């Protein structure tokens, strides 16, 4: 987990102090819900409201992830490319804050996979999730 540029010992310690043992979770969506980062839509009848995060979770975990997402977007090339993709894509571009929440969710999925499967972080593998980056990597 420390191989990810922008994540230090304090971040990993804070993540595990809030989440606990990863063996108790079967899917990263459970941790996303624990952090209160899952989405809910405010609708009633024909009215379709905005989709917001629930904030029904551990606010310290949510704050930790958000504090980590800011430097990741600034310093890490893979997360910077992901942030640019989220904000500038043709279909459903996100606002900058929405993009940071999506990056927090992505970070939870990455930390869960690294912790659960004991594997290494690969920027190339993460960039394959971005549709136009996958096409560029195949062409090269």
N, C-alpha and C. Protein backbone atom coordinates (compact mmCIF):
# COMPACT_ATOMS: atom_id res chain seq x y z
N UNK A 1 0.82 -1.19 0.00
CA UNK A 1 0.00 0.00 0.00
C UNK A 1 0.86 1.25 0.00
N UNK A 2 2.03 1.14 0.59
CA UNK A 2 2.93 2.29 0.62
C UNK A 2 3.59 2.53 -0.73
N UNK A 3 3.41 1.60 -1.67
CA UNK A 3 3.98 1.76 -3.00
C UNK A 3 3.22 2.80 -3.81
N UNK A 4 2.02 3.15 -3.40
CA UNK A 4 1.25 4.17 -4.09
C UNK A 4 1.83 5.53 -3.72
N UNK A 5 2.27 6.27 -4.72
CA UNK A 5 2.86 7.59 -4.49
C UNK A 5 1.79 8.54 -3.95
N UNK A 6 2.02 9.07 -2.76
CA UNK A 6 1.07 9.98 -2.14
C UNK A 6 0.38 9.38 -0.92
N UNK A 7 0.64 8.10 -0.65
CA UNK A 7 0.05 7.45 0.52
C UNK A 7 1.19 7.06 1.46
N UNK A 8 1.07 7.49 2.71
CA UNK A 8 2.11 7.23 3.69
C UNK A 8 1.64 6.29 4.79
N UNK A 9 2.51 6.13 5.78
CA UNK A 9 2.21 5.22 6.89
C UNK A 9 1.01 5.70 7.70
N UNK A 10 0.90 7.01 7.88
CA UNK A 10 -0.23 7.54 8.66
C UNK A 10 -1.56 7.26 7.98
N UNK A 11 -1.58 7.35 6.66
CA UNK A 11 -2.80 7.08 5.91
C UNK A 11 -3.20 5.62 6.04
N UNK A 12 -2.24 4.72 5.87
CA UNK A 12 -2.54 3.29 5.97
C UNK A 12 -2.98 2.94 7.39
N UNK A 13 -2.29 3.50 8.39
CA UNK A 13 -2.66 3.24 9.78
C UNK A 13 -4.06 3.77 10.08
N UNK A 14 -4.36 4.97 9.60
CA UNK A 14 -5.69 5.53 9.82
C UNK A 14 -6.78 4.73 9.13
N UNK A 15 -6.48 4.25 7.92
CA UNK A 15 -7.45 3.45 7.17
C UNK A 15 -7.77 2.17 7.93
N UNK A 16 -6.72 1.47 8.39
CA UNK A 16 -6.96 0.20 9.09
C UNK A 16 -7.53 0.41 10.49
N UNK A 17 -7.24 1.54 11.13
CA UNK A 17 -7.83 1.78 12.44
C UNK A 17 -9.33 2.02 12.32
N UNK A 18 -9.77 2.60 11.23
CA UNK A 18 -11.20 2.84 11.02
C UNK A 18 -11.91 1.60 10.47
N UNK A 19 -11.25 0.89 9.57
CA UNK A 19 -11.90 -0.23 8.88
C UNK A 19 -11.76 -1.53 9.67
N UNK A 20 -10.60 -1.74 10.26
CA UNK A 20 -10.35 -2.99 10.96
C UNK A 20 -9.80 -4.04 10.03
N UNK A 21 -10.05 -5.29 10.35
CA UNK A 21 -9.54 -6.41 9.57
C UNK A 21 -10.34 -6.57 8.28
N UNK A 22 -9.63 -6.65 7.16
CA UNK A 22 -10.30 -6.76 5.86
C UNK A 22 -10.95 -8.12 5.64
N UNK A 23 -10.60 -9.11 6.47
CA UNK A 23 -11.22 -10.43 6.30
C UNK A 23 -12.72 -10.40 6.60
N UNK A 24 -13.16 -9.39 7.33
CA UNK A 24 -14.58 -9.30 7.68
C UNK A 24 -15.43 -8.71 6.56
N UNK A 25 -14.79 -8.26 5.48
CA UNK A 25 -15.49 -7.65 4.37
C UNK A 25 -15.36 -8.55 3.14
N UNK A 26 -16.48 -8.76 2.45
CA UNK A 26 -16.44 -9.59 1.25
C UNK A 26 -16.34 -8.75 -0.02
N UNK A 27 -16.65 -7.47 0.05
CA UNK A 27 -16.64 -6.61 -1.13
C UNK A 27 -16.28 -5.19 -0.72
N UNK A 28 -15.56 -4.45 -1.56
CA UNK A 28 -15.21 -3.07 -1.19
C UNK A 28 -16.41 -2.13 -1.04
N UNK A 29 -17.55 -2.49 -1.61
CA UNK A 29 -18.74 -1.66 -1.43
C UNK A 29 -19.15 -1.56 0.04
N UNK A 30 -18.82 -2.59 0.82
CA UNK A 30 -19.13 -2.55 2.24
C UNK A 30 -18.32 -1.47 2.95
N UNK A 31 -17.07 -1.29 2.53
CA UNK A 31 -16.23 -0.25 3.13
C UNK A 31 -16.67 1.13 2.63
N UNK A 32 -17.09 1.20 1.36
CA UNK A 32 -17.60 2.47 0.83
C UNK A 32 -18.83 2.89 1.62
N UNK A 33 -19.69 1.94 1.95
CA UNK A 33 -20.87 2.25 2.75
C UNK A 33 -20.47 2.61 4.18
N UNK A 34 -19.47 1.93 4.73
CA UNK A 34 -18.98 2.24 6.07
C UNK A 34 -18.45 3.67 6.15
N UNK A 35 -17.83 4.13 5.07
CA UNK A 35 -17.30 5.49 5.03
C UNK A 35 -18.39 6.53 4.77
N UNK A 36 -19.56 6.10 4.37
CA UNK A 36 -20.64 7.04 4.06
C UNK A 36 -20.49 7.67 2.70
N UNK A 37 -19.79 6.99 1.79
CA UNK A 37 -19.55 7.52 0.45
C UNK A 37 -20.47 6.90 -0.59
N UNK A 38 -21.42 6.07 -0.16
CA UNK A 38 -22.36 5.51 -1.13
C UNK A 38 -23.35 6.60 -1.55
N UNK A 39 -23.88 6.47 -2.75
CA UNK A 39 -24.74 7.51 -3.31
C UNK A 39 -26.20 7.24 -3.01
N UNK A 40 -26.96 8.33 -2.84
CA UNK A 40 -28.41 8.21 -2.71
C UNK A 40 -29.04 9.31 -3.54
N UNK A 41 -30.17 8.98 -4.13
CA UNK A 41 -30.88 9.93 -4.98
C UNK A 41 -32.10 10.43 -4.23
N UNK A 42 -32.29 11.73 -4.22
CA UNK A 42 -33.40 12.34 -3.51
C UNK A 42 -34.55 12.54 -4.50
N UNK A 43 -35.45 11.55 -4.58
CA UNK A 43 -36.58 11.64 -5.51
C UNK A 43 -37.89 11.49 -4.74
N UNK A 44 -38.92 12.06 -5.31
CA UNK A 44 -40.25 11.94 -4.74
C UNK A 44 -41.25 12.14 -5.86
N UNK A 45 -42.01 11.12 -6.15
CA UNK A 45 -42.99 11.21 -7.23
C UNK A 45 -42.32 11.44 -8.57
N UNK A 46 -42.71 12.51 -9.24
CA UNK A 46 -42.10 12.83 -10.54
C UNK A 46 -40.83 13.67 -10.39
N UNK A 47 -40.60 14.19 -9.19
CA UNK A 47 -39.42 15.02 -8.94
C UNK A 47 -38.17 14.14 -8.85
N UNK A 48 -37.16 14.49 -9.63
CA UNK A 48 -35.89 13.78 -9.57
C UNK A 48 -34.85 14.73 -8.99
N UNK A 49 -34.43 14.47 -7.77
CA UNK A 49 -33.48 15.35 -7.09
C UNK A 49 -32.05 15.00 -7.42
N UNK A 50 -31.14 15.67 -6.73
CA UNK A 50 -29.72 15.43 -6.94
C UNK A 50 -29.29 14.14 -6.27
N UNK A 51 -28.24 13.55 -6.82
CA UNK A 51 -27.62 12.39 -6.20
C UNK A 51 -26.47 12.88 -5.33
N UNK A 52 -26.50 12.51 -4.06
CA UNK A 52 -25.49 12.95 -3.10
C UNK A 52 -24.96 11.75 -2.34
N UNK A 53 -23.84 11.96 -1.63
CA UNK A 53 -23.34 10.89 -0.78
C UNK A 53 -24.20 10.84 0.48
N UNK A 54 -24.29 9.66 1.08
CA UNK A 54 -25.20 9.49 2.21
C UNK A 54 -24.67 10.13 3.49
N UNK A 55 -23.37 10.14 3.70
CA UNK A 55 -22.73 10.65 4.92
C UNK A 55 -23.21 9.87 6.14
N UNK A 56 -23.72 8.66 5.95
CA UNK A 56 -24.14 7.82 7.06
C UNK A 56 -23.06 6.81 7.33
N UNK A 57 -21.99 7.26 7.88
CA UNK A 57 -20.88 6.37 8.14
C UNK A 57 -19.87 7.07 9.02
N UNK A 58 -18.68 6.55 8.98
CA UNK A 58 -17.61 7.10 9.82
C UNK A 58 -17.02 8.35 9.17
N UNK A 59 -17.25 9.47 9.80
CA UNK A 59 -16.80 10.73 9.20
C UNK A 59 -15.29 10.85 9.23
N UNK A 60 -14.63 10.21 10.19
CA UNK A 60 -13.16 10.28 10.21
C UNK A 60 -12.56 9.51 9.05
N UNK A 61 -13.17 8.39 8.69
CA UNK A 61 -12.70 7.63 7.53
C UNK A 61 -12.95 8.42 6.25
N UNK A 62 -14.11 9.03 6.14
CA UNK A 62 -14.44 9.84 4.97
C UNK A 62 -13.49 11.03 4.86
N UNK A 63 -13.19 11.67 5.98
CA UNK A 63 -12.28 12.82 5.97
C UNK A 63 -10.86 12.39 5.62
N UNK A 64 -10.43 11.24 6.14
CA UNK A 64 -9.10 10.72 5.84
C UNK A 64 -8.96 10.46 4.35
N UNK A 65 -9.95 9.81 3.77
CA UNK A 65 -9.88 9.50 2.34
C UNK A 65 -9.89 10.76 1.49
N UNK A 66 -10.68 11.75 1.89
CA UNK A 66 -10.73 12.99 1.12
C UNK A 66 -9.42 13.75 1.23
N UNK A 67 -8.82 13.75 2.45
CA UNK A 67 -7.53 14.43 2.63
C UNK A 67 -6.43 13.75 1.84
N UNK A 68 -6.56 12.46 1.59
CA UNK A 68 -5.57 11.73 0.79
C UNK A 68 -5.83 11.94 -0.70
N UNK A 69 -7.09 12.07 -1.09
CA UNK A 69 -7.42 12.21 -2.51
C UNK A 69 -6.86 13.50 -3.11
N UNK A 70 -6.83 14.57 -2.33
CA UNK A 70 -6.33 15.85 -2.85
C UNK A 70 -4.87 15.76 -3.29
N UNK A 71 -3.93 15.31 -2.45
CA UNK A 71 -2.54 15.21 -2.92
C UNK A 71 -2.34 14.12 -3.98
N UNK A 72 -3.16 13.07 -3.94
CA UNK A 72 -3.04 12.04 -4.97
C UNK A 72 -3.32 12.62 -6.34
N UNK A 73 -4.34 13.45 -6.43
CA UNK A 73 -4.68 14.06 -7.71
C UNK A 73 -3.58 15.03 -8.15
N UNK A 74 -2.94 15.67 -7.19
CA UNK A 74 -1.91 16.65 -7.52
C UNK A 74 -0.57 16.00 -7.88
N UNK A 75 -0.20 14.91 -7.20
CA UNK A 75 1.15 14.36 -7.33
C UNK A 75 1.24 13.05 -8.11
N UNK A 76 0.22 12.22 -8.03
CA UNK A 76 0.27 10.91 -8.66
C UNK A 76 -0.28 11.00 -10.09
N UNK A 77 0.52 10.56 -11.06
CA UNK A 77 0.12 10.71 -12.46
C UNK A 77 -1.11 9.89 -12.81
N UNK A 78 -1.24 8.70 -12.24
CA UNK A 78 -2.38 7.84 -12.55
C UNK A 78 -3.68 8.45 -12.02
N UNK A 79 -3.65 8.93 -10.79
CA UNK A 79 -4.85 9.53 -10.21
C UNK A 79 -5.16 10.87 -10.87
N UNK A 80 -4.13 11.58 -11.30
CA UNK A 80 -4.35 12.84 -12.02
C UNK A 80 -5.05 12.57 -13.34
N UNK A 81 -4.63 11.52 -14.05
CA UNK A 81 -5.27 11.15 -15.31
C UNK A 81 -6.72 10.72 -15.08
N UNK A 82 -6.95 9.99 -13.99
CA UNK A 82 -8.31 9.55 -13.66
C UNK A 82 -9.20 10.76 -13.35
N UNK A 83 -8.67 11.72 -12.60
CA UNK A 83 -9.42 12.94 -12.27
C UNK A 83 -9.74 13.73 -13.53
N UNK A 84 -8.79 13.85 -14.43
CA UNK A 84 -9.04 14.56 -15.69
C UNK A 84 -10.08 13.84 -16.52
N UNK A 85 -10.03 12.51 -16.52
CA UNK A 85 -11.03 11.74 -17.28
C UNK A 85 -12.43 11.99 -16.71
N UNK A 86 -12.56 11.93 -15.38
CA UNK A 86 -13.87 12.13 -14.76
C UNK A 86 -14.42 13.52 -15.05
N UNK A 87 -13.57 14.54 -15.05
CA UNK A 87 -14.06 15.91 -15.20
C UNK A 87 -14.24 16.32 -16.66
N UNK A 88 -13.54 15.66 -17.60
CA UNK A 88 -13.58 16.11 -18.99
C UNK A 88 -14.18 15.10 -19.97
N UNK A 89 -14.75 14.01 -19.46
CA UNK A 89 -15.32 13.03 -20.38
C UNK A 89 -16.56 13.59 -21.06
N UNK A 90 -16.86 13.06 -22.25
CA UNK A 90 -18.00 13.54 -23.03
C UNK A 90 -19.32 13.17 -22.38
N UNK A 91 -19.43 11.92 -21.94
CA UNK A 91 -20.67 11.41 -21.38
C UNK A 91 -20.64 11.58 -19.86
N UNK A 92 -21.51 12.41 -19.31
CA UNK A 92 -21.65 12.63 -17.88
C UNK A 92 -20.36 13.12 -17.21
N UNK A 93 -19.86 14.30 -17.59
CA UNK A 93 -18.67 14.82 -16.89
C UNK A 93 -19.03 15.21 -15.46
N UNK A 94 -18.12 14.94 -14.54
CA UNK A 94 -18.36 15.25 -13.13
C UNK A 94 -17.76 16.60 -12.78
N UNK A 95 -18.30 17.21 -11.74
CA UNK A 95 -17.68 18.40 -11.18
C UNK A 95 -16.45 17.95 -10.40
N UNK A 96 -15.59 18.88 -10.04
CA UNK A 96 -14.32 18.52 -9.40
C UNK A 96 -14.52 17.82 -8.07
N UNK A 97 -15.46 18.28 -7.26
CA UNK A 97 -15.71 17.64 -5.96
C UNK A 97 -16.30 16.25 -6.16
N UNK A 98 -17.19 16.09 -7.14
CA UNK A 98 -17.74 14.78 -7.42
C UNK A 98 -16.65 13.83 -7.88
N UNK A 99 -15.72 14.35 -8.66
CA UNK A 99 -14.60 13.54 -9.12
C UNK A 99 -13.73 13.09 -7.95
N UNK A 100 -13.53 13.97 -6.97
CA UNK A 100 -12.73 13.59 -5.80
C UNK A 100 -13.42 12.51 -4.99
N UNK A 101 -14.74 12.54 -4.90
CA UNK A 101 -15.48 11.48 -4.20
C UNK A 101 -15.34 10.17 -4.96
N UNK A 102 -15.41 10.23 -6.29
CA UNK A 102 -15.22 9.02 -7.10
C UNK A 102 -13.80 8.48 -6.92
N UNK A 103 -12.83 9.36 -6.77
CA UNK A 103 -11.45 8.92 -6.54
C UNK A 103 -11.31 8.31 -5.15
N UNK A 104 -12.03 8.84 -4.16
CA UNK A 104 -12.04 8.23 -2.82
C UNK A 104 -12.57 6.80 -2.90
N UNK A 105 -13.65 6.61 -3.66
CA UNK A 105 -14.21 5.26 -3.83
C UNK A 105 -13.22 4.35 -4.54
N UNK A 106 -12.54 4.88 -5.55
CA UNK A 106 -11.53 4.10 -6.27
C UNK A 106 -10.39 3.72 -5.33
N UNK A 107 -9.99 4.65 -4.47
CA UNK A 107 -8.92 4.38 -3.52
C UNK A 107 -9.32 3.29 -2.54
N UNK A 108 -10.57 3.30 -2.10
CA UNK A 108 -11.05 2.23 -1.22
C UNK A 108 -10.96 0.89 -1.93
N UNK A 109 -11.39 0.83 -3.19
CA UNK A 109 -11.33 -0.43 -3.93
C UNK A 109 -9.89 -0.89 -4.12
N UNK A 110 -8.97 0.04 -4.36
CA UNK A 110 -7.56 -0.32 -4.53
C UNK A 110 -6.98 -0.82 -3.22
N UNK A 111 -7.20 -0.09 -2.12
CA UNK A 111 -6.66 -0.51 -0.82
C UNK A 111 -7.25 -1.85 -0.39
N UNK A 112 -8.53 -2.06 -0.67
CA UNK A 112 -9.17 -3.33 -0.33
C UNK A 112 -8.51 -4.48 -1.10
N UNK A 113 -8.30 -4.29 -2.39
CA UNK A 113 -7.72 -5.35 -3.22
C UNK A 113 -6.28 -5.64 -2.81
N UNK A 114 -5.50 -4.59 -2.56
CA UNK A 114 -4.11 -4.78 -2.15
C UNK A 114 -4.06 -5.49 -0.80
N UNK A 115 -4.90 -5.07 0.15
CA UNK A 115 -4.89 -5.69 1.47
C UNK A 115 -5.44 -7.10 1.49
N UNK A 116 -6.45 -7.35 0.70
CA UNK A 116 -7.10 -8.67 0.71
C UNK A 116 -6.29 -9.70 -0.08
N UNK A 117 -5.78 -9.31 -1.25
CA UNK A 117 -5.09 -10.27 -2.12
C UNK A 117 -3.58 -10.23 -1.99
N UNK A 118 -3.05 -9.31 -1.18
CA UNK A 118 -1.61 -9.17 -0.98
C UNK A 118 -0.88 -9.01 -2.32
N UNK A 119 -1.36 -8.11 -3.15
CA UNK A 119 -0.75 -7.87 -4.46
C UNK A 119 -0.16 -6.47 -4.50
N UNK A 120 0.58 -6.19 -5.54
CA UNK A 120 1.24 -4.89 -5.71
C UNK A 120 0.32 -3.93 -6.48
N UNK A 121 0.52 -2.64 -6.26
CA UNK A 121 -0.22 -1.61 -6.98
C UNK A 121 0.46 -1.37 -8.32
N UNK A 122 -0.34 -1.31 -9.38
CA UNK A 122 0.18 -1.06 -10.71
C UNK A 122 -0.60 0.10 -11.34
N UNK A 123 0.13 1.17 -11.66
CA UNK A 123 -0.53 2.32 -12.29
C UNK A 123 -1.08 1.96 -13.66
N UNK A 124 -0.35 1.12 -14.39
CA UNK A 124 -0.80 0.72 -15.73
C UNK A 124 -2.13 -0.03 -15.65
N UNK A 125 -2.24 -0.90 -14.66
CA UNK A 125 -3.48 -1.67 -14.51
C UNK A 125 -4.65 -0.75 -14.15
N UNK A 126 -4.37 0.25 -13.32
CA UNK A 126 -5.42 1.18 -12.95
C UNK A 126 -5.84 2.04 -14.14
N UNK A 127 -4.88 2.43 -14.96
CA UNK A 127 -5.19 3.27 -16.11
C UNK A 127 -5.97 2.51 -17.18
N UNK A 128 -5.92 1.18 -17.15
CA UNK A 128 -6.72 0.40 -18.10
C UNK A 128 -8.21 0.55 -17.84
N UNK A 129 -8.58 1.01 -16.64
CA UNK A 129 -10.00 1.22 -16.33
C UNK A 129 -10.56 2.45 -17.05
N UNK A 130 -9.67 3.35 -17.46
CA UNK A 130 -10.11 4.54 -18.19
C UNK A 130 -10.24 4.16 -19.66
N UNK A 131 -11.41 4.29 -20.26
CA UNK A 131 -11.61 3.80 -21.63
C UNK A 131 -10.63 4.35 -22.65
N UNK A 132 -10.41 5.66 -22.70
CA UNK A 132 -9.52 6.19 -23.74
C UNK A 132 -8.06 5.87 -23.45
N UNK A 133 -7.69 5.65 -22.18
CA UNK A 133 -6.31 5.29 -21.85
C UNK A 133 -6.03 3.85 -22.27
N UNK A 134 -7.03 2.97 -22.18
CA UNK A 134 -6.85 1.59 -22.60
C UNK A 134 -6.59 1.52 -24.10
N UNK A 135 -7.27 2.36 -24.87
CA UNK A 135 -7.06 2.41 -26.31
C UNK A 135 -5.66 2.92 -26.63
N UNK A 136 -5.21 3.94 -25.90
CA UNK A 136 -3.87 4.50 -26.12
C UNK A 136 -2.78 3.49 -25.78
N UNK A 137 -2.97 2.70 -24.72
CA UNK A 137 -1.96 1.72 -24.33
C UNK A 137 -1.89 0.57 -25.33
N UNK A 138 -3.02 0.18 -25.92
CA UNK A 138 -3.01 -0.88 -26.92
C UNK A 138 -2.32 -0.41 -28.19
N UNK A 139 -2.47 0.86 -28.52
CA UNK A 139 -1.85 1.41 -29.73
C UNK A 139 -0.34 1.52 -29.58
N UNK A 140 0.14 1.71 -28.37
CA UNK A 140 1.58 1.90 -28.15
C UNK A 140 2.35 0.62 -28.12
